[in-house]
Amino acid sequence: NQLAKRYGARTVELNLESTGSSFDEHH
């Protein structure tokens, strides 16, 4: 996630619950 964000990507997490990661969006 951090690597993709560093190069300008939109980042999205899909999970049952939060992992505490720094994605742009969480579903």
PDB file of all heavy atoms in Angstrom:
ATOM      1  N   ASN A   1       0.826  -1.204   0.000  1.00  0.00           N
ATOM      2  CA  ASN A   1       0.000   0.000   0.000  1.00  0.00           C
ATOM      3  C   ASN A   1       0.863   1.258   0.000  1.00  0.00           C
ATOM      4  O   ASN A   1       0.653   2.180  -0.803  1.00  0.00           O
ATOM      5  CB  ASN A   1      -0.915  -0.031   1.227  1.00  0.00           C
ATOM      6  CG  ASN A   1      -1.592   1.297   1.488  1.00  0.00           C
ATOM      7  OD1 ASN A   1      -2.110   1.918   0.581  1.00  0.00           O
ATOM      8  ND2 ASN A   1      -1.572   1.749   2.741  1.00  0.00           N
ATOM      9  N   GLN A   2       1.860   1.302   0.898  1.00  0.00           N
ATOM     10  CA  GLN A   2       2.717   2.480   0.991  1.00  0.00           C
ATOM     11  C   GLN A   2       3.509   2.703  -0.287  1.00  0.00           C
ATOM     12  O   GLN A   2       3.692   3.843  -0.733  1.00  0.00           O
ATOM     13  CB  GLN A   2       3.676   2.349   2.186  1.00  0.00           C
ATOM     14  CG  GLN A   2       2.991   2.485   3.542  1.00  0.00           C
ATOM     15  CD  GLN A   2       2.465   1.153   4.064  1.00  0.00           C
ATOM     16  OE1 GLN A   2       2.400   0.170   3.315  1.00  0.00           O
ATOM     17  NE2 GLN A   2       2.103   1.122   5.333  1.00  0.00           N
ATOM     18  N   LEU A   3       3.986   1.607  -0.893  1.00  0.00           N
ATOM     19  CA  LEU A   3       4.757   1.746  -2.125  1.00  0.00           C
ATOM     20  C   LEU A   3       3.895   2.301  -3.257  1.00  0.00           C
ATOM     21  O   LEU A   3       4.305   3.212  -3.990  1.00  0.00           O
ATOM     22  CB  LEU A   3       5.354   0.391  -2.526  1.00  0.00           C
ATOM     23  CG  LEU A   3       6.206   0.375  -3.798  1.00  0.00           C
ATOM     24  CD1 LEU A   3       7.378   1.341  -3.685  1.00  0.00           C
ATOM     25  CD2 LEU A   3       6.707  -1.038  -4.077  1.00  0.00           C
ATOM     26  N   ALA A   4       2.686   1.758  -3.398  1.00  0.00           N
ATOM     27  CA  ALA A   4       1.792   2.249  -4.449  1.00  0.00           C
ATOM     28  C   ALA A   4       1.422   3.716  -4.214  1.00  0.00           C
ATOM     29  O   ALA A   4       1.398   4.524  -5.155  1.00  0.00           O
ATOM     30  CB  ALA A   4       0.543   1.379  -4.507  1.00  0.00           C
ATOM     31  N   LYS A   5       1.143   4.079  -2.963  1.00  0.00           N
ATOM     32  CA  LYS A   5       0.787   5.461  -2.639  1.00  0.00           C
ATOM     33  C   LYS A   5       1.940   6.415  -2.934  1.00  0.00           C
ATOM     34  O   LYS A   5       1.731   7.534  -3.413  1.00  0.00           O
ATOM     35  CB  LYS A   5       0.398   5.580  -1.161  1.00  0.00           C
ATOM     36  CG  LYS A   5      -0.977   5.054  -0.826  1.00  0.00           C
ATOM     37  CD  LYS A   5      -1.345   5.315   0.627  1.00  0.00           C
ATOM     38  CE  LYS A   5      -1.581   6.779   0.879  1.00  0.00           C
ATOM     39  NZ  LYS A   5      -2.148   7.025   2.231  1.00  0.00           N
ATOM     40  N   ARG A   6       3.142   5.964  -2.669  1.00  0.00           N
ATOM     41  CA  ARG A   6       4.320   6.812  -2.885  1.00  0.00           C
ATOM     42  C   ARG A   6       4.443   7.221  -4.349  1.00  0.00           C
ATOM     43  O   ARG A   6       4.939   8.298  -4.663  1.00  0.00           O
ATOM     44  CB  ARG A   6       5.577   6.060  -2.435  1.00  0.00           C
ATOM     45  CG  ARG A   6       6.837   6.919  -2.379  1.00  0.00           C
ATOM     46  CD  ARG A   6       8.018   6.087  -1.948  1.00  0.00           C
ATOM     47  NE  ARG A   6       7.710   5.301  -0.756  1.00  0.00           N
ATOM     48  CZ  ARG A   6       8.255   4.122  -0.475  1.00  0.00           C
ATOM     49  NH1 ARG A   6       9.112   3.573  -1.323  1.00  0.00           N
ATOM     50  NH2 ARG A   6       7.934   3.490   0.635  1.00  0.00           N
ATOM     51  N   TYR A   7       3.969   6.353  -5.237  1.00  0.00           N
ATOM     52  CA  TYR A   7       4.055   6.645  -6.667  1.00  0.00           C
ATOM     53  C   TYR A   7       2.726   7.156  -7.233  1.00  0.00           C
ATOM     54  O   TYR A   7       2.522   7.157  -8.443  1.00  0.00           O
ATOM     55  CB  TYR A   7       4.534   5.410  -7.422  1.00  0.00           C
ATOM     56  CG  TYR A   7       6.015   5.167  -7.239  1.00  0.00           C
ATOM     57  CD1 TYR A   7       6.497   4.479  -6.126  1.00  0.00           C
ATOM     58  CD2 TYR A   7       6.942   5.672  -8.149  1.00  0.00           C
ATOM     59  CE1 TYR A   7       7.849   4.276  -5.944  1.00  0.00           C
ATOM     60  CE2 TYR A   7       8.297   5.476  -7.973  1.00  0.00           C
ATOM     61  CZ  TYR A   7       8.748   4.787  -6.872  1.00  0.00           C
ATOM     62  OH  TYR A   7      10.109   4.597  -6.686  1.00  0.00           O
ATOM     63  N   GLY A   8       1.830   7.584  -6.341  1.00  0.00           N
ATOM     64  CA  GLY A   8       0.650   8.312  -6.777  1.00  0.00           C
ATOM     65  C   GLY A   8      -0.614   7.506  -6.997  1.00  0.00           C
ATOM     66  O   GLY A   8      -1.597   8.038  -7.521  1.00  0.00           O
ATOM     67  N   ALA A   9      -0.641   6.249  -6.591  1.00  0.00           N
ATOM     68  CA  ALA A   9      -1.823   5.418  -6.826  1.00  0.00           C
ATOM     69  C   ALA A   9      -2.928   5.716  -5.808  1.00  0.00           C
ATOM     70  O   ALA A   9      -2.666   6.062  -4.654  1.00  0.00           O
ATOM     71  CB  ALA A   9      -1.457   3.938  -6.752  1.00  0.00           C
ATOM     72  N   ARG A  10      -4.163   5.554  -6.249  1.00  0.00           N
ATOM     73  CA  ARG A  10      -5.300   5.506  -5.342  1.00  0.00           C
ATOM     74  C   ARG A  10      -5.285   4.133  -4.674  1.00  0.00           C
ATOM     75  O   ARG A  10      -5.157   3.113  -5.346  1.00  0.00           O
ATOM     76  CB  ARG A  10      -6.600   5.701  -6.118  1.00  0.00           C
ATOM     77  CG  ARG A  10      -7.869   5.470  -5.307  1.00  0.00           C
ATOM     78  CD  ARG A  10      -9.082   5.384  -6.218  1.00  0.00           C
ATOM     79  NE  ARG A  10     -10.285   4.983  -5.488  1.00  0.00           N
ATOM     80  CZ  ARG A  10     -11.414   4.597  -6.073  1.00  0.00           C
ATOM     81  NH1 ARG A  10     -11.497   4.529  -7.398  1.00  0.00           N
ATOM     82  NH2 ARG A  10     -12.465   4.248  -5.350  1.00  0.00           N
ATOM     83  N   THR A  11      -5.413   4.078  -3.351  1.00  0.00           N
ATOM     84  CA  THR A  11      -5.321   2.806  -2.643  1.00  0.00           C
ATOM     85  C   THR A  11      -6.606   2.544  -1.867  1.00  0.00           C
ATOM     86  O   THR A  11      -7.143   3.432  -1.207  1.00  0.00           O
ATOM     87  CB  THR A  11      -4.116   2.786  -1.681  1.00  0.00           C
ATOM     88  OG1 THR A  11      -4.277   3.797  -0.678  1.00  0.00           O
ATOM     89  CG2 THR A  11      -2.812   3.016  -2.439  1.00  0.00           C
ATOM     90  N   VAL A  12      -7.075   1.306  -1.946  1.00  0.00           N
ATOM     91  CA  VAL A  12      -8.363   0.927  -1.362  1.00  0.00           C
ATOM     92  C   VAL A  12      -8.204  -0.378  -0.592  1.00  0.00           C
ATOM     93  O   VAL A  12      -7.579  -1.325  -1.084  1.00  0.00           O
ATOM     94  CB  VAL A  12      -9.434   0.750  -2.458  1.00  0.00           C
ATOM     95  CG1 VAL A  12     -10.765   0.349  -1.833  1.00  0.00           C
ATOM     96  CG2 VAL A  12      -9.585   2.028  -3.275  1.00  0.00           C
ATOM     97  N   GLU A  13      -8.769  -0.414   0.606  1.00  0.00           N
ATOM     98  CA  GLU A  13      -8.779  -1.628   1.421  1.00  0.00           C
ATOM     99  C   GLU A  13     -10.190  -2.190   1.483  1.00  0.00           C
ATOM    100  O   GLU A  13     -11.140  -1.478   1.784  1.00  0.00           O
ATOM    101  CB  GLU A  13      -8.289  -1.334   2.838  1.00  0.00           C
ATOM    102  CG  GLU A  13      -8.345  -2.543   3.756  1.00  0.00           C
ATOM    103  CD  GLU A  13      -7.990  -2.215   5.199  1.00  0.00           C
ATOM    104  OE1 GLU A  13      -8.426  -1.158   5.704  1.00  0.00           O
ATOM    105  OE2 GLU A  13      -7.278  -3.025   5.821  1.00  0.00           O
ATOM    106  N   LEU A  14     -10.314  -3.493   1.213  1.00  0.00           N
ATOM    107  CA  LEU A  14     -11.580  -4.203   1.360  1.00  0.00           C
ATOM    108  C   LEU A  14     -11.357  -5.325   2.367  1.00  0.00           C
ATOM    109  O   LEU A  14     -10.545  -6.228   2.124  1.00  0.00           O
ATOM    110  CB  LEU A  14     -12.054  -4.789   0.024  1.00  0.00           C
ATOM    111  CG  LEU A  14     -12.614  -3.819  -1.019  1.00  0.00           C
ATOM    112  CD1 LEU A  14     -11.505  -3.006  -1.669  1.00  0.00           C
ATOM    113  CD2 LEU A  14     -13.371  -4.585  -2.101  1.00  0.00           C
ATOM    114  N   ASN A  15     -12.048  -5.240   3.487  1.00  0.00           N
ATOM    115  CA  ASN A  15     -11.801  -6.212   4.549  1.00  0.00           C
ATOM    116  C   ASN A  15     -13.025  -6.304   5.449  1.00  0.00           C
ATOM    117  O   ASN A  15     -13.924  -5.461   5.386  1.00  0.00           O
ATOM    118  CB  ASN A  15     -10.576  -5.800   5.370  1.00  0.00           C
ATOM    119  CG  ASN A  15      -9.717  -6.983   5.762  1.00  0.00           C
ATOM    120  OD1 ASN A  15     -10.240  -8.073   6.004  1.00  0.00           O
ATOM    121  ND2 ASN A  15      -8.416  -6.775   5.832  1.00  0.00           N
ATOM    122  N   LEU A  16     -13.048  -7.330   6.290  1.00  0.00           N
ATOM    123  CA  LEU A  16     -14.143  -7.458   7.247  1.00  0.00           C
ATOM    124  C   LEU A  16     -14.114  -6.342   8.277  1.00  0.00           C
ATOM    125  O   LEU A  16     -15.150  -5.866   8.745  1.00  0.00           O
ATOM    126  CB  LEU A  16     -14.078  -8.820   7.946  1.00  0.00           C
ATOM    127  CG  LEU A  16     -14.575 -10.026   7.155  1.00  0.00           C
ATOM    128  CD1 LEU A  16     -14.326 -11.302   7.948  1.00  0.00           C
ATOM    129  CD2 LEU A  16     -16.059  -9.891   6.824  1.00  0.00           C
ATOM    130  N   GLU A  17     -12.899  -5.924   8.635  1.00  0.00           N
ATOM    131  CA  GLU A  17     -12.741  -4.869   9.633  1.00  0.00           C
ATOM    132  C   GLU A  17     -11.442  -4.140   9.361  1.00  0.00           C
ATOM    133  O   GLU A  17     -10.616  -4.574   8.561  1.00  0.00           O
ATOM    134  CB  GLU A  17     -12.723  -5.464  11.045  1.00  0.00           C
ATOM    135  CG  GLU A  17     -11.671  -6.522  11.246  1.00  0.00           C
ATOM    136  CD  GLU A  17     -11.798  -7.251  12.564  1.00  0.00           C
ATOM    137  OE1 GLU A  17     -12.884  -7.228  13.164  1.00  0.00           O
ATOM    138  OE2 GLU A  17     -10.791  -7.859  12.984  1.00  0.00           O
ATOM    139  N   SER A  18     -11.258  -3.019  10.038  1.00  0.00           N
ATOM    140  CA  SER A  18     -10.075  -2.201   9.806  1.00  0.00           C
ATOM    141  C   SER A  18      -8.804  -2.927  10.235  1.00  0.00           C
ATOM    142  O   SER A  18      -8.781  -3.620  11.258  1.00  0.00           O
ATOM    143  CB  SER A  18     -10.190  -0.887  10.579  1.00  0.00           C
ATOM    144  OG  SER A  18      -8.994  -0.142  10.473  1.00  0.00           O
ATOM    145  N   THR A  19      -7.758  -2.760   9.436  1.00  0.00           N
ATOM    146  CA  THR A  19      -6.446  -3.295   9.807  1.00  0.00           C
ATOM    147  C   THR A  19      -5.542  -2.199  10.345  1.00  0.00           C
ATOM    148  O   THR A  19      -4.405  -2.457  10.724  1.00  0.00           O
ATOM    149  CB  THR A  19      -5.770  -3.940   8.579  1.00  0.00           C
ATOM    150  OG1 THR A  19      -5.566  -2.934   7.575  1.00  0.00           O
ATOM    151  CG2 THR A  19      -6.617  -5.069   8.024  1.00  0.00           C
ATOM    152  N   GLY A  20      -6.043  -0.980  10.336  1.00  0.00           N
ATOM    153  CA  GLY A  20      -5.237   0.141  10.801  1.00  0.00           C
ATOM    154  C   GLY A  20      -4.257   0.645   9.763  1.00  0.00           C
ATOM    155  O   GLY A  20      -3.419   1.497  10.057  1.00  0.00           O
ATOM    156  N   SER A  21      -4.360   0.148   8.547  1.00  0.00           N
ATOM    157  CA  SER A  21      -3.442   0.553   7.489  1.00  0.00           C
ATOM    158  C   SER A  21      -3.882   1.878   6.874  1.00  0.00           C
ATOM    159  O   SER A  21      -5.049   2.243   6.913  1.00  0.00           O
ATOM    160  CB  SER A  21      -3.382  -0.533   6.408  1.00  0.00           C
ATOM    161  OG  SER A  21      -2.965  -1.770   6.961  1.00  0.00           O
ATOM    162  N   SER A  22      -2.917   2.573   6.263  1.00  0.00           N
ATOM    163  CA  SER A  22      -3.171   3.935   5.783  1.00  0.00           C
ATOM    164  C   SER A  22      -3.600   3.949   4.318  1.00  0.00           C
ATOM    165  O   SER A  22      -2.971   4.576   3.472  1.00  0.00           O
ATOM    166  CB  SER A  22      -1.917   4.788   5.955  1.00  0.00           C
ATOM    167  OG  SER A  22      -0.815   4.184   5.266  1.00  0.00           O
ATOM    168  N   PHE A  23      -4.676   3.244   3.998  1.00  0.00           N
ATOM    169  CA  PHE A  23      -5.249   3.300   2.661  1.00  0.00           C
ATOM    170  C   PHE A  23      -6.028   4.605   2.486  1.00  0.00           C
ATOM    171  O   PHE A  23      -6.476   5.206   3.458  1.00  0.00           O
ATOM    172  CB  PHE A  23      -6.184   2.114   2.432  1.00  0.00           C
ATOM    173  CG  PHE A  23      -5.486   0.794   2.268  1.00  0.00           C
ATOM    174  CD1 PHE A  23      -5.074   0.067   3.372  1.00  0.00           C
ATOM    175  CD2 PHE A  23      -5.242   0.273   1.006  1.00  0.00           C
ATOM    176  CE1 PHE A  23      -4.439  -1.159   3.235  1.00  0.00           C
ATOM    177  CE2 PHE A  23      -4.601  -0.948   0.848  1.00  0.00           C
ATOM    178  CZ  PHE A  23      -4.199  -1.667   1.960  1.00  0.00           C
ATOM    179  N   ASP A  24      -6.213   5.001   1.234  1.00  0.00           N
ATOM    180  CA  ASP A  24      -7.030   6.187   0.968  1.00  0.00           C
ATOM    181  C   ASP A  24      -8.496   5.932   1.284  1.00  0.00           C
ATOM    182  O   ASP A  24      -9.205   6.835   1.731  1.00  0.00           O
ATOM    183  CB  ASP A  24      -6.899   6.590  -0.511  1.00  0.00           C
ATOM    184  CG  ASP A  24      -5.489   6.999  -0.879  1.00  0.00           C
ATOM    185  OD1 ASP A  24      -4.821   7.620  -0.031  1.00  0.00           O
ATOM    186  OD2 ASP A  24      -5.053   6.703  -2.004  1.00  0.00           O
ATOM    187  N   GLU A  25      -8.954   4.701   1.034  1.00  0.00           N
ATOM    188  CA  GLU A  25     -10.350   4.345   1.255  1.00  0.00           C
ATOM    189  C   GLU A  25     -10.441   2.982   1.928  1.00  0.00           C
ATOM    190  O   GLU A  25      -9.568   2.132   1.738  1.00  0.00           O
ATOM    191  CB  GLU A  25     -11.117   4.288  -0.077  1.00  0.00           C
ATOM    192  CG  GLU A  25     -11.124   5.573  -0.855  1.00  0.00           C
ATOM    193  CD  GLU A  25     -11.735   5.388  -2.226  1.00  0.00           C
ATOM    194  OE1 GLU A  25     -12.607   4.502  -2.371  1.00  0.00           O
ATOM    195  OE2 GLU A  25     -11.330   6.109  -3.158  1.00  0.00           O
ATOM    196  N   HIS A  26     -11.513   2.798   2.696  1.00  0.00           N
ATOM    197  CA  HIS A  26     -11.746   1.530   3.382  1.00  0.00           C
ATOM    198  C   HIS A  26     -13.190   1.106   3.152  1.00  0.00           C
ATOM    199  O   HIS A  26     -14.114   1.907   3.329  1.00  0.00           O
ATOM    200  CB  HIS A  26     -11.488   1.665   4.887  1.00  0.00           C
ATOM    201  CG  HIS A  26     -10.141   2.226   5.218  1.00  0.00           C
ATOM    202  ND1 HIS A  26      -9.051   1.448   5.470  1.00  0.00           N
ATOM    203  CD2 HIS A  26      -9.718   3.514   5.328  1.00  0.00           C
ATOM    204  CE1 HIS A  26      -8.010   2.214   5.733  1.00  0.00           C
ATOM    205  NE2 HIS A  26      -8.384   3.476   5.645  1.00  0.00           N
ATOM    206  N   HIS A  27     -13.375  -0.142   2.758  1.00  0.00           N
ATOM    207  CA  HIS A  27     -14.714  -0.697   2.574  1.00  0.00           C
ATOM    208  C   HIS A  27     -14.792  -1.996   3.364  1.00  0.00           C
ATOM    209  O   HIS A  27     -14.008  -2.919   3.116  1.00  0.00           O
ATOM    210  CB  HIS A  27     -15.009  -0.945   1.090  1.00  0.00           C
ATOM    211  CG  HIS A  27     -14.891   0.281   0.247  1.00  0.00           C
ATOM    212  ND1 HIS A  27     -15.915   1.198   0.118  1.00  0.00           N
ATOM    213  CD2 HIS A  27     -13.854   0.754  -0.491  1.00  0.00           C
ATOM    214  CE1 HIS A  27     -15.522   2.183  -0.673  1.00  0.00           C
ATOM    215  NE2 HIS A  27     -14.270   1.943  -1.060  1.00  0.00           N
TER     216      HIS A  27
END
